[in-house]
Structures are given as structure tokens and as C-alpha cells.
Amino acid sequence: MSTTLAIRSCGLVTGVGLSAPATCAAIRAAIDNFQETRFRDQGGEWLMGCETAFPRQLRGEARLLKMAARAIAECLEGIDPRDCGSIPLLLCLAEGERPGRPIADDAMFFRQLEDALGFHFHPRSSVIAQGHVAAAIALHQARHLVGQDGISQVLVAACDCLLSGVALKDFEERERLLTSENSNGFIPGEGAAALLVAPLEPERAGMGQLACHGLGFAVEKAHIDSQEPLRAHGLTAAIKQSLADAGCGESVLQFKIVDASGGEYAFKESAIAFSRIDRTKRTEFDVWHPADCIGEVGAPIGLVMIAVLKAACEKAYAKGRHVLLHLGNDGGRRASMIFSWHPPRG
């Protein structure tokens, strides 16, 4: 039986906050930080974006290093740096083929991140350059790491930035960007996120636990850049697999959090996929999409969604205890996660 992972702590750096509490509070209040960037669209108008509160002269890999190091430091607060050698880091980054990708050498970036933090992680650490779905892949890998070779906890982190000329040009040419000439697109952003995960402790008294009970993966042939009609077979398969992995039916699900960031494709796909598995009469079923506040941040979005859910459960404003989260890449990879909140005992 697969190990059930619990989320122990979080760290976030986004355009609406430089910490997890600040970001989650802003998202709960529906506050965004969308402002004009230094880039123009093909119509000559300034593009909107969501930048973090770092100096604009800090760009590229150096900017990502600062964001990632800050999110990781927040997540590991209270842990002795000398103990970090026993913690593997699964670093989630943008797909290697994405135009305008800010990191040239993943291995070098990983080493620079360790230097910036001032300590080294466990040798079983790795880089997962899979964009949106990287968070789910990292949790899948963390399952296998936890309990093996004396590993008791795993750090999952991500950083990305879409605010570069090359990336924005590519997205605009593909009609993915929100511009003065295209209303069916997203607002670009940047950010970093980190989660510390460990095995679920059923008898952990006094503290609630957010646990990942199910994971599912599939490939969508009718992805956004294809010419095929969208029937959401890939996302449907991923959701079904995650429910089977969790050992439950769709009737337990009470709301969902999605990575949709703008444009009708992701929302349509999400609705079609859920309609294919939904067999329960519901009076309401909320859909949360944090990108409404932080923009399209790329690889960190999955971890942001989990951190938002954790804050909502801890502060008792979540719409239920059992939640569906799903993610998708432009190239067709789909991932689904089933999370449950275990309230404090004793």
C-alpha cells in the first residue's frame, strides 16, 4: 500500500505576498497585484503582469534563486540546517522545451540554490522539469523516498517566471496571453513555493493534517495546441486513477482547486472531465483557481494550490474535507490529486 503523505509546512513567494500566510490571505480576499509590465503587446499596449516584490534589476536565474531560497527558508523554519542533509529536495521547474525558460542548466541551478541556502540536501534529491504537473510527480516520487534509506521527510520546491520577452512573445503568438487584442488569455506572473512532506501520523494529537491520499496521471491528446476536439479523456483518466489510488469514489469530493489561469480551454476541460465522473447530486461544488490573484506562475502553481488548501483547512474556511486538485501542461500531460483534511485529535 502506498505511503500517505501529510503536508507539514509551506513557504510561498508570489506577486501578492512574500510568505505563505501573506499569499494565502491575499488569495482568500481575492486581492491581486496585476500591473503594467515593461513589456508591450503586438498592438503596442503595455502587458499586464504579476511581479514579486523583488528589484526589477534582479532578473533571470538570479531572481529565481532569490525567490526559491526565500520560499524554502520559510518552509524549513525551525529545522537545524545541519539536519537538511537527510532531507531530499525535489525541485520542480519549467519544461525544458518551453521558449523563454529562465534556467539554462538545471543541475547548475540546483547547486547554486544549495550555495544560496548554505547547506546541501540528501543525495537522493532531483530536478523535475515538468511544468504544472511537476508538483504531482514530485509527490509521487516522495512516496517512494519516504521510509527508504532512513528518509523521514522530503522537501518539494518550485520556482518559475513567465515575465521574459521570449516567453511572452511565444505565448502571444500562440494566442495564449491576455493582450489588448486577445481577451481569451492569461496574465503572466512569477513565484516560488515549497512544501515539506512526511508520512501521515494517524494519532498526531493537537494538530490537523492535510494528507494526499490519491495521485493519478494521464495524457490528453486534444491538448491546447492540437487541432483535435476537446473531450477531456486525459484529465478524466487522471481523476479516475487518483480516486482509485485513494480508495474512494467521487461522492466524497466537496470542492476542487484547479490550475486554470485564463482562457476558456482549461475551464472547459475541467468541467467536461468532472461531468464524466460525477454521479452525485450536489447543491454546490466550488471551484478555486488561485491564478486569478497571482497570474500564470508556471511550475509552482501545484504547490501554491496545496498551500492555499492547507491554510483554508487550518483556518476553517475550506468548503469541505475532501478535495480534488488537478493540473495540466500545454503538451498534454495531466495529473490529479485527492487531498483530505484530518482534524486535530485530543
Protein backbone atom coordinates (compact mmCIF):
# COMPACT_ATOMS: atom_id res chain seq x y z
CA MET A 1 0.00 0.00 0.00
CA SER A 2 1.32 3.46 -0.90
CA THR A 3 2.53 5.77 1.84
CA THR A 4 0.09 8.56 2.62
CA LEU A 5 1.90 11.90 2.73
CA ALA A 6 0.99 14.78 5.01
CA ILE A 7 1.94 18.40 4.39
CA ARG A 8 3.98 19.58 7.36
CA SER A 9 4.85 23.17 6.37
CA CYS A 10 4.76 25.60 3.44
CA GLY A 11 6.68 28.52 2.01
CA LEU A 12 5.44 30.86 -0.73
CA VAL A 13 6.73 33.82 -2.72
CA THR A 14 4.20 35.33 -5.14
CA GLY A 15 3.11 38.64 -6.53
CA VAL A 16 0.63 39.07 -3.65
CA GLY A 17 2.89 38.06 -0.76
CA LEU A 18 6.41 37.08 0.21
CA SER A 19 5.29 34.38 2.63
CA ALA A 20 2.67 31.64 2.79
CA PRO A 21 0.39 33.45 5.29
CA ALA A 22 0.51 36.70 3.27
CA THR A 23 -0.14 34.96 -0.05
CA CYS A 24 -2.97 32.78 1.26
CA ALA A 25 -4.63 35.74 2.99
CA ALA A 26 -4.50 37.77 -0.22
CA ILE A 27 -5.94 34.91 -2.28
CA ARG A 28 -8.70 34.37 0.28
CA ALA A 29 -9.58 38.07 -0.01
CA ALA A 30 -9.39 37.90 -3.84
CA ILE A 31 -6.61 40.51 -3.92
CA ASP A 32 -4.39 40.57 -7.00
CA ASN A 33 -1.30 42.50 -7.96
CA PHE A 34 -1.84 42.89 -11.69
CA GLN A 35 0.09 45.89 -13.00
CA GLU A 36 1.60 47.12 -16.25
CA THR A 37 4.93 45.47 -17.00
CA ARG A 38 7.88 46.73 -19.03
CA PHE A 39 6.67 44.67 -22.00
CA ARG A 40 4.30 45.70 -24.81
CA ASP A 41 1.98 43.51 -26.84
CA GLN A 42 1.83 43.46 -30.63
CA GLY A 43 -0.78 46.19 -30.52
CA GLY A 44 1.66 48.50 -28.74
CA GLU A 45 -0.14 48.39 -25.38
CA TRP A 46 1.57 47.59 -22.08
CA LEU A 47 1.14 43.97 -20.99
CA MET A 48 -0.28 43.28 -17.56
CA GLY A 49 1.66 41.02 -15.22
CA CYS A 50 2.05 39.96 -11.60
CA GLU A 51 5.58 40.52 -10.34
CA THR A 52 7.00 39.70 -6.93
CA ALA A 53 8.34 42.49 -4.73
CA PHE A 54 11.97 41.98 -5.75
CA PRO A 55 14.01 44.70 -7.51
CA ARG A 56 13.37 44.68 -11.26
CA GLN A 57 17.09 44.81 -11.97
CA LEU A 58 17.32 41.33 -10.42
CA ARG A 59 16.43 39.13 -13.40
CA GLY A 60 16.75 35.67 -14.85
CA GLU A 61 18.28 32.87 -12.80
CA ALA A 62 19.44 35.24 -10.06
CA ARG A 63 15.84 36.32 -9.49
CA LEU A 64 14.60 32.73 -9.39
CA LEU A 65 17.35 31.81 -6.91
CA LYS A 66 16.26 34.58 -4.53
CA MET A 67 12.61 33.56 -4.75
CA ALA A 68 13.27 29.84 -4.34
CA ALA A 69 15.70 30.33 -1.45
CA ARG A 70 13.18 32.52 0.38
CA ALA A 71 10.31 30.02 -0.03
CA ILE A 72 12.50 27.11 1.08
CA ALA A 73 13.83 29.02 4.09
CA GLU A 74 10.27 29.77 5.21
CA CYS A 75 9.24 26.14 4.76
CA LEU A 76 12.24 24.85 6.75
CA GLU A 77 11.98 27.44 9.53
CA GLY A 78 12.79 25.80 12.85
CA ILE A 79 14.82 22.98 11.28
CA ASP A 80 18.55 22.94 12.00
CA PRO A 81 20.45 23.42 8.71
CA ARG A 82 22.75 20.59 9.78
CA ASP A 83 19.77 18.23 9.56
CA CYS A 84 18.94 19.19 5.98
CA GLY A 85 21.45 16.70 4.65
CA SER A 86 18.91 13.99 5.48
CA ILE A 87 16.13 15.71 3.51
CA PRO A 88 15.91 15.17 -0.28
CA LEU A 89 14.87 18.20 -2.33
CA LEU A 90 12.64 17.58 -5.35
CA LEU A 91 12.95 20.79 -7.35
CA CYS A 92 10.14 21.47 -9.83
CA LEU A 93 10.98 23.62 -12.85
CA ALA A 94 9.54 24.58 -16.22
CA GLU A 95 9.58 22.11 -19.11
CA GLY A 96 12.95 22.01 -20.80
CA GLU A 97 11.49 22.82 -24.22
CA ARG A 98 9.47 25.87 -23.17
CA PRO A 99 10.61 29.03 -25.02
CA GLY A 100 11.99 31.71 -22.72
CA ARG A 101 12.71 29.22 -19.94
CA PRO A 102 14.84 31.23 -17.47
CA ILE A 103 17.17 28.38 -16.41
CA ALA A 104 19.85 27.15 -18.79
CA ASP A 105 21.39 24.33 -16.71
CA ASP A 106 19.14 22.59 -14.16
CA ALA A 107 21.97 20.84 -12.32
CA MET A 108 23.95 24.05 -12.01
CA PHE A 109 20.88 25.91 -10.76
CA PHE A 110 20.34 23.23 -8.11
CA ARG A 111 23.92 23.62 -6.87
CA GLN A 112 23.59 27.41 -6.84
CA LEU A 113 20.42 27.08 -4.79
CA GLU A 114 22.21 24.94 -2.22
CA ASP A 115 25.00 27.55 -2.08
CA ALA A 116 22.45 30.33 -1.58
CA LEU A 117 20.85 28.40 1.29
CA GLY A 118 24.19 27.50 2.85
CA PHE A 119 23.64 23.74 3.12
CA HIS A 120 23.33 20.60 1.00
CA PHE A 121 20.34 18.29 0.64
CA HIS A 122 20.20 14.48 0.62
CA PRO A 123 21.90 12.75 -2.36
CA ARG A 124 18.52 11.36 -3.47
CA SER A 125 17.48 14.91 -4.44
CA SER A 126 16.48 15.55 -8.05
CA VAL A 127 15.10 18.07 -10.54
CA ILE A 128 11.65 17.56 -12.10
CA ALA A 129 11.37 19.80 -15.17
CA GLN A 130 7.72 19.11 -15.97
CA GLY A 131 5.94 22.44 -15.51
CA HIS A 132 2.47 22.38 -13.96
CA VAL A 133 2.34 18.62 -13.37
CA ALA A 134 5.76 18.58 -11.66
CA ALA A 135 4.16 19.02 -8.22
CA ALA A 136 2.14 15.79 -8.57
CA ILE A 137 5.14 13.92 -9.98
CA ALA A 138 7.21 15.14 -7.03
CA LEU A 139 4.63 13.84 -4.55
CA HIS A 140 4.66 10.51 -6.37
CA GLN A 141 8.45 10.34 -6.03
CA ALA A 142 8.28 11.48 -2.41
CA ARG A 143 6.04 8.49 -1.63
CA HIS A 144 8.85 6.17 -2.66
CA LEU A 145 11.53 8.15 -0.85
CA VAL A 146 9.73 8.37 2.48
CA GLY A 147 10.67 5.44 4.66
CA GLN A 148 13.50 4.32 2.37
CA ASP A 149 17.17 4.71 3.34
CA GLY A 150 16.15 6.35 6.61
CA ILE A 151 14.35 9.20 4.84
CA SER A 152 11.56 10.53 7.05
CA GLN A 153 10.62 13.72 5.19
CA VAL A 154 11.00 15.26 1.74
CA LEU A 155 11.10 18.87 0.59
CA VAL A 156 9.26 19.70 -2.64
CA ALA A 157 10.01 23.14 -4.10
CA ALA A 158 9.34 25.01 -7.34
CA CYS A 159 10.19 28.31 -8.99
CA ASP A 160 9.39 29.83 -12.35
CA CYS A 161 8.93 33.11 -14.19
CA LEU A 162 6.98 33.87 -17.37
CA LEU A 163 7.90 37.56 -17.41
CA SER A 164 10.54 37.49 -20.14
CA GLY A 165 10.44 38.82 -23.68
CA VAL A 166 10.99 35.43 -25.33
CA ALA A 167 8.33 33.66 -23.26
CA LEU A 168 5.76 36.42 -23.72
CA LYS A 169 6.37 36.59 -27.47
CA ASP A 170 5.80 32.84 -27.79
CA PHE A 171 2.61 32.89 -25.72
CA GLU A 172 1.25 35.88 -27.61
CA GLU A 173 1.91 34.27 -30.99
CA ARG A 174 0.00 31.19 -29.77
CA GLU A 175 -2.86 33.45 -28.60
CA ARG A 176 -2.42 32.33 -25.00
CA LEU A 177 -1.68 35.74 -23.50
CA LEU A 178 -4.19 38.33 -22.31
CA THR A 179 -3.49 41.37 -24.50
CA SER A 180 -5.25 44.40 -25.95
CA GLU A 181 -6.18 42.20 -28.93
CA ASN A 182 -6.96 38.92 -27.14
CA SER A 183 -9.32 38.61 -24.17
CA ASN A 184 -9.07 34.81 -24.07
CA GLY A 185 -5.72 34.53 -22.34
CA PHE A 186 -3.80 34.64 -19.07
CA ILE A 187 -1.84 37.26 -17.13
CA PRO A 188 1.81 36.17 -16.70
CA GLY A 189 3.42 36.00 -13.29
CA GLU A 190 6.30 34.55 -11.32
CA GLY A 191 6.84 32.89 -7.97
CA ALA A 192 8.29 30.15 -5.83
CA ALA A 193 6.82 27.61 -3.44
CA ALA A 194 7.96 24.87 -1.07
CA LEU A 195 6.27 22.06 0.88
CA LEU A 196 7.74 19.76 3.50
CA VAL A 197 6.04 16.36 3.38
CA ALA A 198 6.22 13.39 5.73
CA PRO A 199 4.16 10.24 6.43
CA LEU A 200 0.68 10.80 7.83
CA GLU A 201 0.58 10.22 11.59
CA PRO A 202 -2.94 8.99 12.42
CA GLU A 203 -2.55 9.58 16.14
CA ARG A 204 -0.93 13.01 15.91
CA ALA A 205 -2.81 14.85 18.67
CA GLY A 206 -3.45 18.57 18.81
CA MET A 207 -2.65 19.30 15.17
CA GLY A 208 -4.64 18.84 11.99
CA GLN A 209 -3.03 17.25 8.96
CA LEU A 210 -3.58 17.78 5.24
CA ALA A 211 -2.87 14.48 3.51
CA CYS A 212 -2.50 13.39 -0.10
CA HIS A 213 -4.38 10.09 -0.47
CA GLY A 214 -4.50 9.70 -4.24
CA LEU A 215 -2.47 10.51 -7.33
CA GLY A 216 -3.33 9.96 -10.98
CA PHE A 217 -1.64 10.68 -14.30
CA ALA A 218 -2.61 10.57 -17.96
CA VAL A 219 -2.00 12.24 -21.32
CA GLU A 220 -4.54 14.39 -23.20
CA LYS A 221 -4.26 14.05 -26.98
CA ALA A 222 -6.52 17.05 -27.57
CA HIS A 223 -4.21 19.49 -25.75
CA ILE A 224 -4.50 23.24 -26.25
CA ASP A 225 -2.12 23.37 -29.22
CA SER A 226 -3.65 20.41 -31.02
CA GLN A 227 -6.37 20.55 -33.64
CA GLU A 228 -8.43 17.76 -32.09
CA PRO A 229 -11.83 18.32 -30.46
CA LEU A 230 -11.62 18.51 -26.67
CA ARG A 231 -13.31 15.64 -24.87
CA ALA A 232 -11.10 15.71 -21.74
CA HIS A 233 -10.32 11.98 -21.88
CA GLY A 234 -6.84 12.55 -20.42
CA LEU A 235 -7.95 14.55 -17.38
CA THR A 236 -10.89 12.19 -16.81
CA ALA A 237 -8.50 9.22 -16.75
CA ALA A 238 -6.17 11.02 -14.33
CA ILE A 239 -9.03 11.83 -11.94
CA LYS A 240 -10.32 8.26 -12.04
CA GLN A 241 -6.83 6.93 -11.32
CA SER A 242 -6.39 9.28 -8.36
CA LEU A 243 -9.75 8.22 -6.89
CA ALA A 244 -8.81 4.55 -7.28
CA ASP A 245 -5.45 5.26 -5.68
CA ALA A 246 -7.20 6.95 -2.76
CA GLY A 247 -9.65 4.06 -2.47
CA CYS A 248 -12.74 6.25 -2.67
CA GLY A 249 -15.48 7.30 -5.05
CA GLU A 250 -16.24 10.75 -6.40
CA SER A 251 -19.10 11.16 -3.93
CA VAL A 252 -16.66 12.15 -1.15
CA LEU A 253 -15.36 15.17 -3.09
CA GLN A 254 -16.66 18.50 -1.77
CA PHE A 255 -14.86 21.07 -3.96
CA LYS A 256 -11.91 21.35 -6.31
CA ILE A 257 -8.88 23.56 -6.91
CA VAL A 258 -7.57 23.86 -10.46
CA ASP A 259 -4.56 25.39 -12.19
CA ALA A 260 -6.63 27.32 -14.76
CA SER A 261 -5.06 30.73 -15.26
CA GLY A 262 -7.13 32.33 -18.01
CA GLY A 263 -8.65 31.39 -21.34
CA GLU A 264 -11.62 29.10 -21.81
CA TYR A 265 -9.74 25.87 -22.60
CA ALA A 266 -8.73 24.88 -19.05
CA PHE A 267 -12.12 25.73 -17.56
CA LYS A 268 -13.93 23.83 -20.30
CA GLU A 269 -11.67 20.81 -19.89
CA SER A 270 -12.17 20.81 -16.12
CA ALA A 271 -15.96 20.97 -16.45
CA ILE A 272 -16.11 18.21 -19.06
CA ALA A 273 -13.81 15.90 -17.08
CA PHE A 274 -15.76 16.28 -13.85
CA SER A 275 -19.07 15.76 -15.63
CA ARG A 276 -17.74 12.41 -16.85
CA ILE A 277 -17.10 11.12 -13.32
CA ASP A 278 -19.77 12.97 -11.32
CA ARG A 279 -22.62 10.69 -10.24
CA THR A 280 -23.64 12.53 -7.06
CA LYS A 281 -26.47 15.01 -6.59
CA ARG A 282 -24.84 18.17 -5.21
CA THR A 283 -26.31 21.50 -4.18
CA GLU A 284 -22.92 23.23 -4.64
CA PHE A 285 -19.41 22.41 -5.75
CA ASP A 286 -16.94 25.28 -5.52
CA VAL A 287 -14.04 25.67 -7.94
CA TRP A 288 -10.99 27.59 -6.71
CA HIS A 289 -8.30 28.88 -9.08
CA PRO A 290 -5.54 30.82 -7.27
CA ALA A 291 -4.10 32.07 -10.57
CA ASP A 292 -6.91 34.65 -10.54
CA CYS A 293 -4.78 36.50 -7.98
CA ILE A 294 -1.17 35.56 -8.77
CA GLY A 295 -1.31 35.10 -12.55
CA GLU A 296 0.16 32.21 -14.53
CA VAL A 297 3.27 31.30 -12.50
CA GLY A 298 4.20 28.07 -14.27
CA ALA A 299 5.79 25.24 -12.28
CA PRO A 300 4.93 26.47 -8.73
CA ILE A 301 1.15 26.52 -9.28
CA GLY A 302 0.55 22.98 -7.97
CA LEU A 303 2.37 23.72 -4.71
CA VAL A 304 0.53 27.04 -4.40
CA MET A 305 -2.79 25.21 -4.71
CA ILE A 306 -1.81 22.80 -1.94
CA ALA A 307 -0.61 25.62 0.33
CA VAL A 308 -3.87 27.51 -0.23
CA LEU A 309 -5.84 24.38 0.68
CA LYS A 310 -3.76 23.83 3.83
CA ALA A 311 -4.40 27.40 5.00
CA ALA A 312 -8.13 27.07 4.27
CA CYS A 313 -8.39 23.86 6.28
CA GLU A 314 -6.40 25.20 9.22
CA LYS A 315 -8.49 28.37 9.38
CA ALA A 316 -11.77 26.51 8.79
CA TYR A 317 -12.92 28.26 5.62
CA ALA A 318 -12.46 25.31 3.28
CA LYS A 319 -15.63 24.07 1.57
CA GLY A 320 -15.12 20.55 2.84
CA ARG A 321 -12.57 17.98 4.00
CA HIS A 322 -12.12 16.01 0.76
CA VAL A 323 -10.78 17.92 -2.23
CA LEU A 324 -9.84 17.30 -5.85
CA LEU A 325 -6.86 19.15 -7.30
CA HIS A 326 -5.83 18.79 -10.92
CA LEU A 327 -3.07 20.11 -13.17
CA GLY A 328 -2.23 20.15 -16.87
CA ASN A 329 0.63 21.06 -19.18
CA ASP A 330 0.30 22.61 -22.61
CA GLY A 331 1.84 19.47 -24.10
CA GLY A 332 -0.96 17.23 -22.79
CA ARG A 333 0.31 15.76 -19.51
CA ARG A 334 -2.40 15.67 -16.85
CA ALA A 335 -2.26 14.99 -13.11
CA SER A 336 -4.90 14.66 -10.41
CA MET A 337 -4.56 14.67 -6.62
CA ILE A 338 -7.01 13.73 -3.87
CA PHE A 339 -6.43 15.54 -0.57
CA SER A 340 -8.21 15.11 2.75
CA TRP A 341 -8.09 17.17 5.94
CA HIS A 342 -7.63 15.22 9.15
CA PRO A 343 -8.80 17.43 12.05
CA PRO A 344 -6.86 17.68 15.32
CA ARG A 345 -7.43 14.92 17.85
CA GLY A 346 -7.49 15.05 21.60
